[in-house]
Each structure stands twice: as C-alpha cells, then as structure tokens.
Amino acid sequence: MTISKQSKIKQANTKLRYENKELKKRQSFLEGININEVESFDRFTIQSNNKLKEEVIAISTISDVHIEEPVVKSIVNGLNEYNLAIAEQRITLYFKRLMYMVNQARRAGYRVDNLVLGLLGDFITGYIHEELEEVNELTPVQATLFVQNLLVKGIKFLSENGKFNKITIPCVPGNHGRTTKKKRYTSGYKNSYEWLMYNNIRNLFNEIGGYDNVEFIIPESEFIYLDLFGYMNKFSHGDHFHYQGGIGGLEVPLKKWILRENAVIKTDISWIAHWHQYIVLNKVRVNGSLIGYNSYARAFGFEPEPPKMQFQLLDKKRGFTLNNPIILTDWK
C-alpha cells in the first residue's frame, strides 16, 4: 500500500470517528428532552392567540399634512410628489392602516379598548412665508375647511368601526397654522386656523350625536399632559427648540429640550412633530410627516424619508412596547 493511500484511509477514519461522536451527542440531547414540556409549550403558543388578553392603549399621531402645499416631482428629483388628491389619499390611507394596526394587535391577543389619536398640527401650510402665497393650491381658509372634512371622516370611521370604548384626541396647533407672521406664545391659540378647526370638529361631533366614545382635548396651552396607565404623556407640536445642524443630528438638541421640560413637569414620553422625521428615543416619539420629502428638505440636503406616522402600544403591565411606523406610500 502506498503512502498516499494510507494517508487517505487515515483521513477517512478520522472523519468517521468525528461524525460518530457528533451523532452520540445528538442522541444524548434527544433522550434528555421531556416530551411533556414540548407539548405544554405547543399548547401555550396556541392559547396565546386566543386567550391572552393583555390590556393595552393604542397611541398614534398625525401631523405635518401641509394639505395645500404641492411637491413638484421634478424639483425633488423624483423622490416625492404631493397635491390635494394625493393628500386626500394619504389621509384616508392613514386611518385605514391605523385600524389595521389595531386589529393586528388584537389578533396577537391584546385587548385594545382605548385609542389616543394625537392631532399635532401643521395640517395646513398657511402664508407664514411669502413664497407660500405664490405656490399653495388653496388659501389658509380653504385649506382648513378641506382638511377639516377629511379628519371628520377619519374620526367617524374609527368611532364606528374600531370597537373602542374611548377615543381620546389631544389637539395642539402647529406653527404653520397661525394667522400672524411671527409666532405668539401667550395668544397663539387665538390666532390659529387649526385651533379654530379643532373646535369646529368637536362642535360638529357634539351636534350630530352618537359619538359618545370620542373625547377632544383642546387647550389654550401649547402642551397637553395625559396620564395613561400611570405614565405621563405630553403632546405638543415640537417647535420649541432650534436645530443648527452638526454631528448627532436632531437628537442632541432634542435630548436637551427633554431635560429642560422635565424640570418643569416630569413626563415619561413626549409626543412631538414639526421636524418631518420619524424618531423613536427612550423619552420621546417624533412624528414623521404626511407631506413627505419636499423642496425645502431637498434644498438643504436632508435625508429623504417616506411619509409615515407614529403607532405605539402602551401595555398596562409592561409600559411602552411595540412601536411601528404607519407608512403612507410605496417607497422605492
């Protein structure tokens, strides 16, 4: 027998011994499994979809619709397009997908009796900049009426089909909905198309009746504090701090603002909008925008982001758990 053949036989024997050793390990592992434990685990996974009823509150926010502000496809290099027809489609899609997300949670075994729907402002673009008087497709008054009707339809849909015991709607105005050129801090609500719109919607629901599960919160303050399962939630538009660029992006000034705000009234989560960025941090949720990527963002080189809104589950026992964006368009 040649040396080459002897070497090959030795290699084959070594391989067989290794495989035999591995087979013995697997056999020993299988013999040690308790069949009863496997069956009990299977029963648990089946029951989790049918009998597990963890109580949660669904929280979602809609904002930065800018209903009458067009986005011309050629100006943003084909990354987005927006007009009145697309805006209506996205708002309708938002309410449908919000309902879908709630139903998915219910199929997973959660009990979702209550919904918090935050209206966080900038539903219109308004005339706060001179250029907007030239490009907007509607005047501020027309835009307010247009988006008001869409919100009424969406809230009716949730109330009639969502099987909610209660829908709580915190309403805060944005900076674009003001009637003045500069922001006013004490009398801001008095000079806001959106504050007027929120009151109109509430009055309409009160007049038509039959929507006792819907509650509107419309303060004169720019901040709404809402205790949910012992967790303090704050809702505001989010235009209360400045971002000058730099490393770390929006998160650095955002965290500083949260620290300052907690010195005033301590909160567990702040819900804000304004920045057109979907951000999830430990103490804050920043809403995306419904208008999506526009010419302003393109001019300053901001990173494109699809139109998406916040969706969050607040578990009664475990606190804030699942967070999923509600994406409102196909994004390539």
Protein backbone atom coordinates (compact mmCIF):
# COMPACT_ATOMS: atom_id res chain seq x y z
CA MET A 1 0.00 0.00 0.00
CA THR A 2 1.40 3.37 -0.96
CA ILE A 3 1.88 6.21 1.49
CA SER A 4 -0.77 8.25 -0.38
CA LYS A 5 -3.45 5.55 0.10
CA GLN A 6 -2.58 5.13 3.78
CA SER A 7 -2.98 8.87 4.30
CA LYS A 8 -6.41 8.91 2.67
CA ILE A 9 -7.60 5.96 4.79
CA LYS A 10 -6.45 7.72 7.98
CA GLN A 11 -8.31 10.90 6.97
CA ALA A 12 -11.47 8.89 6.28
CA ASN A 13 -11.24 7.14 9.64
CA THR A 14 -10.77 10.44 11.46
CA LYS A 15 -13.84 11.85 9.73
CA LEU A 16 -15.95 8.80 10.64
CA ARG A 17 -14.90 8.98 14.29
CA TYR A 18 -15.84 12.68 14.42
CA GLU A 19 -19.26 12.03 12.83
CA ASN A 20 -19.89 9.14 15.22
CA LYS A 21 -19.07 11.40 18.18
CA GLU A 22 -21.49 14.08 16.94
CA LEU A 23 -24.26 11.52 16.46
CA LYS A 24 -23.85 10.34 20.05
CA LYS A 25 -24.12 13.93 21.26
CA ARG A 26 -27.38 14.45 19.35
CA GLN A 27 -28.80 11.15 20.63
CA SER A 28 -27.97 12.11 24.21
CA PHE A 29 -29.62 15.51 23.72
CA LEU A 30 -32.81 13.99 22.27
CA GLU A 31 -33.05 11.42 25.05
CA GLY A 32 -32.90 14.22 27.63
CA ILE A 33 -35.87 16.14 26.22
CA ASN A 34 -39.05 15.96 28.27
CA ILE A 35 -41.89 15.29 25.82
CA ASN A 36 -44.44 16.75 28.25
CA GLU A 37 -42.58 20.06 28.24
CA VAL A 38 -42.68 20.21 24.44
CA GLU A 39 -46.42 19.55 24.41
CA SER A 40 -47.09 22.19 27.09
CA PHE A 41 -45.11 24.75 25.09
CA ASP A 42 -47.18 23.98 21.99
CA ARG A 43 -50.37 24.46 23.94
CA PHE A 44 -49.13 27.82 25.22
CA THR A 45 -48.35 29.12 21.72
CA ILE A 46 -51.83 28.18 20.53
CA GLN A 47 -53.53 29.78 23.52
CA SER A 48 -51.54 32.99 23.17
CA ASN A 49 -53.59 33.96 20.10
CA ASN A 50 -56.96 33.05 21.58
CA LYS A 51 -56.97 33.62 25.33
CA LEU A 52 -54.13 36.00 26.19
CA LYS A 53 -55.74 39.40 26.81
CA GLU A 54 -53.12 41.92 27.86
CA GLU A 55 -54.70 45.36 28.17
CA VAL A 56 -53.01 47.99 26.02
CA ILE A 57 -53.75 51.51 24.78
CA ALA A 58 -53.02 52.23 21.13
CA ILE A 59 -51.40 55.64 20.55
CA SER A 60 -50.95 57.24 17.15
CA THR A 61 -50.20 60.74 15.94
CA ILE A 62 -50.93 62.51 12.68
CA SER A 63 -49.30 65.82 11.75
CA ASP A 64 -47.43 67.86 9.17
CA VAL A 65 -50.01 67.25 6.48
CA HIS A 66 -49.44 70.64 4.79
CA ILE A 67 -52.56 69.88 2.81
CA GLU A 68 -52.37 72.73 0.26
CA GLU A 69 -48.59 72.78 -0.30
CA PRO A 70 -47.62 70.99 -3.53
CA VAL A 71 -44.46 68.95 -4.01
CA VAL A 72 -43.36 69.01 -7.64
CA LYS A 73 -41.71 65.75 -8.63
CA SER A 74 -39.09 67.35 -10.88
CA ILE A 75 -37.92 69.75 -8.16
CA VAL A 76 -37.19 66.93 -5.69
CA ASN A 77 -35.51 64.70 -8.28
CA GLY A 78 -38.44 62.30 -8.46
CA LEU A 79 -38.31 61.41 -4.75
CA ASN A 80 -41.86 62.53 -3.94
CA GLU A 81 -44.99 64.10 -5.36
CA TYR A 82 -47.80 65.82 -3.47
CA ASN A 83 -51.01 67.64 -4.31
CA LEU A 84 -54.57 67.84 -3.00
CA ALA A 85 -55.57 64.48 -4.49
CA ILE A 86 -52.52 62.69 -3.08
CA ALA A 87 -53.02 64.38 0.30
CA GLU A 88 -56.59 63.09 0.47
CA GLN A 89 -55.42 59.57 -0.47
CA ARG A 90 -52.74 59.56 2.25
CA ILE A 91 -55.06 60.81 4.99
CA THR A 92 -57.63 58.17 4.06
CA LEU A 93 -54.88 55.54 3.99
CA TYR A 94 -53.66 56.66 7.41
CA PHE A 95 -56.99 55.96 9.10
CA LYS A 96 -57.34 52.62 7.33
CA ARG A 97 -53.83 51.47 8.24
CA LEU A 98 -54.26 52.70 11.81
CA MET A 99 -57.34 50.48 12.07
CA TYR A 100 -55.35 47.62 10.53
CA MET A 101 -52.57 48.02 13.11
CA VAL A 102 -55.09 47.94 15.96
CA ASN A 103 -56.72 44.80 14.58
CA GLN A 104 -53.32 43.13 14.20
CA ALA A 105 -52.65 43.80 17.88
CA ARG A 106 -56.00 42.26 18.75
CA ARG A 107 -55.23 39.16 16.70
CA ALA A 108 -51.99 38.83 18.65
CA GLY A 109 -54.04 38.59 21.84
CA TYR A 110 -54.05 42.19 23.09
CA ARG A 111 -57.18 43.89 24.39
CA VAL A 112 -57.28 47.32 22.76
CA ASP A 113 -60.28 49.13 24.23
CA ASN A 114 -58.88 52.66 24.03
CA LEU A 115 -57.17 54.74 21.38
CA VAL A 116 -55.28 58.00 21.77
CA LEU A 117 -55.18 59.91 18.48
CA GLY A 118 -52.86 62.92 18.69
CA LEU A 119 -53.51 65.76 16.23
CA LEU A 120 -50.16 67.54 16.40
CA GLY A 121 -50.56 70.43 13.99
CA ASP A 122 -49.35 71.75 10.65
CA PHE A 123 -52.39 70.34 8.89
CA ILE A 124 -52.16 73.41 6.67
CA THR A 125 -49.09 75.28 5.41
CA GLY A 126 -50.60 78.76 5.50
CA TYR A 127 -48.97 82.02 4.45
CA ILE A 128 -46.22 82.35 7.06
CA HIS A 129 -43.65 82.75 4.24
CA GLU A 130 -44.05 84.98 1.20
CA GLU A 131 -43.33 82.19 -1.29
CA LEU A 132 -46.25 80.15 0.03
CA GLU A 133 -48.72 82.77 -1.19
CA GLU A 134 -47.41 82.01 -4.67
CA VAL A 135 -47.27 78.20 -4.65
CA ASN A 136 -50.03 76.98 -2.31
CA GLU A 137 -53.02 75.41 -4.04
CA LEU A 138 -55.54 76.83 -1.54
CA THR A 139 -55.79 79.82 0.77
CA PRO A 140 -55.43 79.10 4.51
CA VAL A 141 -59.22 79.29 4.99
CA GLN A 142 -59.90 76.92 2.08
CA ALA A 143 -57.16 74.55 3.23
CA THR A 144 -58.55 74.46 6.78
CA LEU A 145 -62.02 73.51 5.55
CA PHE A 146 -60.59 70.87 3.19
CA VAL A 147 -58.51 69.06 5.81
CA GLN A 148 -61.24 69.50 8.45
CA ASN A 149 -63.66 67.44 6.36
CA LEU A 150 -61.08 64.67 5.90
CA LEU A 151 -60.35 64.49 9.63
CA VAL A 152 -64.07 64.31 10.43
CA LYS A 153 -64.46 61.37 8.04
CA GLY A 154 -61.46 59.60 9.55
CA ILE A 155 -62.60 60.05 13.16
CA LYS A 156 -66.10 58.85 12.27
CA PHE A 157 -64.56 55.77 10.66
CA LEU A 158 -62.57 54.95 13.79
CA SER A 159 -65.52 55.56 16.10
CA GLU A 160 -67.97 53.48 14.07
CA ASN A 161 -65.65 50.57 13.17
CA GLY A 162 -62.91 50.47 15.80
CA LYS A 163 -64.90 48.94 18.68
CA PHE A 164 -63.22 51.38 21.07
CA ASN A 165 -64.67 52.21 24.46
CA LYS A 166 -62.96 55.58 24.16
CA ILE A 167 -61.04 57.59 21.57
CA THR A 168 -59.12 60.44 23.20
CA ILE A 169 -57.97 63.15 20.79
CA PRO A 170 -55.35 65.64 22.09
CA CYS A 171 -55.29 68.64 19.72
CA VAL A 172 -52.36 71.06 19.50
CA PRO A 173 -51.82 73.70 16.78
CA GLY A 174 -48.70 73.80 14.65
CA ASN A 175 -46.56 76.78 13.74
CA HIS A 176 -47.76 76.91 10.11
CA GLY A 177 -51.42 77.29 11.01
CA ARG A 178 -51.02 80.70 12.60
CA THR A 179 -52.62 83.84 11.19
CA THR A 180 -49.64 86.03 12.16
CA LYS A 181 -46.21 86.27 10.55
CA LYS A 182 -44.38 85.60 13.83
CA LYS A 183 -45.12 83.02 16.49
CA ARG A 184 -47.04 84.27 19.55
CA TYR A 185 -46.64 82.43 22.84
CA THR A 186 -49.47 83.80 25.01
CA SER A 187 -52.13 84.42 22.38
CA GLY A 188 -51.06 81.75 19.90
CA TYR A 189 -54.28 79.75 20.13
CA LYS A 190 -56.32 82.90 19.44
CA ASN A 191 -54.51 83.33 16.14
CA SER A 192 -54.57 79.76 14.83
CA TYR A 193 -56.64 78.36 11.99
CA GLU A 194 -56.03 74.90 13.45
CA TRP A 195 -57.30 75.78 16.93
CA LEU A 196 -60.46 77.03 15.22
CA MET A 197 -60.63 73.80 13.17
CA TYR A 198 -60.30 71.58 16.26
CA ASN A 199 -63.16 73.40 17.96
CA ASN A 200 -65.29 73.15 14.80
CA ILE A 201 -64.73 69.38 14.67
CA ARG A 202 -65.60 68.94 18.34
CA ASN A 203 -68.74 71.05 17.97
CA LEU A 204 -69.78 69.06 14.92
CA PHE A 205 -69.50 65.73 16.76
CA ASN A 206 -71.43 67.16 19.70
CA GLU A 207 -74.21 68.37 17.39
CA ILE A 208 -74.71 65.22 15.33
CA GLY A 209 -74.56 62.97 18.42
CA GLY A 210 -73.96 59.26 18.59
CA TYR A 211 -70.20 59.53 19.12
CA ASP A 212 -70.05 59.38 22.90
CA ASN A 213 -66.79 57.38 22.77
CA VAL A 214 -64.93 60.35 21.22
CA GLU A 215 -63.35 62.97 23.51
CA PHE A 216 -61.44 66.03 22.30
CA ILE A 217 -58.81 67.82 24.40
CA ILE A 218 -58.29 71.36 23.04
CA PRO A 219 -56.34 73.53 25.49
CA GLU A 220 -55.20 77.12 25.26
CA SER A 221 -51.70 75.90 26.13
CA GLU A 222 -49.25 74.51 23.58
CA PHE A 223 -48.82 71.43 25.78
CA ILE A 224 -51.22 68.65 26.73
CA TYR A 225 -50.44 66.26 29.61
CA LEU A 226 -52.25 62.96 29.64
CA ASP A 227 -51.89 60.22 32.27
CA LEU A 228 -52.20 56.77 30.68
CA PHE A 229 -51.84 53.72 32.93
CA GLY A 230 -49.77 55.87 35.30
CA TYR A 231 -47.40 57.03 32.53
CA MET A 232 -47.37 60.79 31.91
CA ASN A 233 -47.59 61.61 28.20
CA LYS A 234 -47.02 65.10 26.82
CA PHE A 235 -48.33 66.18 23.41
CA SER A 236 -47.06 69.31 21.61
CA HIS A 237 -46.17 70.39 18.10
CA GLY A 238 -42.44 70.39 18.85
CA ASP A 239 -41.31 73.79 17.55
CA HIS A 240 -39.90 74.78 20.94
CA PHE A 241 -36.19 74.29 20.30
CA HIS A 242 -33.75 75.02 17.49
CA TYR A 243 -31.60 72.75 15.39
CA GLN A 244 -28.48 74.25 13.79
CA GLY A 245 -27.14 71.08 12.19
CA GLY A 246 -23.98 69.27 13.23
CA ILE A 247 -22.96 65.78 14.34
CA GLY A 248 -25.73 63.86 16.09
CA GLY A 249 -28.48 65.49 14.04
CA LEU A 250 -31.71 66.39 15.76
CA GLU A 251 -31.16 64.04 18.71
CA VAL A 252 -28.73 66.32 20.58
CA PRO A 253 -30.98 69.43 20.85
CA LEU A 254 -33.98 67.12 21.29
CA LYS A 255 -32.48 65.43 24.36
CA LYS A 256 -31.52 68.81 25.83
CA TRP A 257 -35.10 70.02 25.38
CA ILE A 258 -36.48 66.90 27.09
CA LEU A 259 -34.21 67.51 30.09
CA ARG A 260 -35.36 71.13 30.36
CA GLU A 261 -39.02 70.17 30.01
CA ASN A 262 -38.79 67.50 32.70
CA ALA A 263 -37.61 70.17 35.10
CA VAL A 264 -41.00 71.87 34.59
CA ILE A 265 -43.34 68.85 34.60
CA LYS A 266 -41.87 65.37 34.58
CA THR A 267 -43.09 63.18 31.73
CA ASP A 268 -42.43 59.61 30.68
CA ILE A 269 -42.91 60.21 26.94
CA SER A 270 -43.18 63.37 24.84
CA TRP A 271 -45.05 63.18 21.54
CA ILE A 272 -44.00 65.87 19.08
CA ALA A 273 -43.99 66.59 15.35
CA HIS A 274 -42.67 69.56 13.29
CA TRP A 275 -39.33 68.05 12.23
CA HIS A 276 -40.65 65.73 9.50
CA GLN A 277 -38.53 62.89 10.89
CA TYR A 278 -39.70 59.62 12.42
CA ILE A 279 -37.62 59.22 15.58
CA VAL A 280 -38.03 56.80 18.49
CA LEU A 281 -35.99 57.54 21.62
CA ASN A 282 -36.38 56.48 25.23
CA LYS A 283 -38.29 59.60 26.31
CA VAL A 284 -39.69 60.94 23.05
CA ARG A 285 -41.53 60.00 19.88
CA VAL A 286 -41.12 62.35 16.92
CA ASN A 287 -43.72 62.02 14.20
CA GLY A 288 -42.87 61.86 10.54
CA SER A 289 -44.75 63.96 8.00
CA LEU A 290 -47.68 63.18 5.75
CA ILE A 291 -46.45 65.52 3.01
CA GLY A 292 -43.14 63.68 2.84
CA TYR A 293 -39.92 64.89 1.22
CA ASN A 294 -40.33 68.40 -0.21
CA SER A 295 -38.34 71.14 -1.93
CA TYR A 296 -37.25 72.70 1.38
CA ALA A 297 -35.75 69.41 2.52
CA ARG A 298 -34.12 68.90 -0.88
CA ALA A 299 -32.57 72.39 -0.88
CA PHE A 300 -30.84 71.74 2.45
CA GLY A 301 -29.79 68.18 1.64
CA PHE A 302 -31.89 66.45 4.30
CA GLU A 303 -32.13 62.67 4.10
CA PRO A 304 -35.28 61.56 2.24
CA GLU A 305 -37.91 59.80 4.35
CA PRO A 306 -41.23 58.30 3.29
CA PRO A 307 -44.45 59.77 4.72
CA LYS A 308 -45.06 57.89 7.98
CA MET A 309 -46.90 58.38 11.25
CA GLN A 310 -46.27 57.05 14.77
CA PHE A 311 -48.04 53.97 16.15
CA GLN A 312 -47.32 52.75 19.68
CA LEU A 313 -48.77 50.23 22.14
CA LEU A 314 -48.77 51.09 25.84
CA ASP A 315 -49.08 47.90 27.89
CA LYS A 316 -50.78 48.26 31.28
CA LYS A 317 -48.23 45.92 32.91
CA ARG A 318 -45.09 46.44 30.83
CA GLY A 319 -45.22 50.05 29.67
CA PHE A 320 -44.35 51.14 26.15
CA THR A 321 -43.81 48.09 23.97
CA LEU A 322 -44.41 47.76 20.24
CA ASN A 323 -43.65 50.77 18.04
CA ASN A 324 -44.37 50.60 14.31
CA PRO A 325 -44.49 53.32 11.66
CA ILE A 326 -47.66 53.69 9.60
CA ILE A 327 -46.18 54.18 6.13
CA LEU A 328 -48.46 56.07 3.77
CA THR A 329 -46.99 55.43 0.34
CA ASP A 330 -44.92 52.91 -1.55
CA TRP A 331 -41.28 53.85 -1.05
CA LYS A 332 -38.58 52.77 -3.50
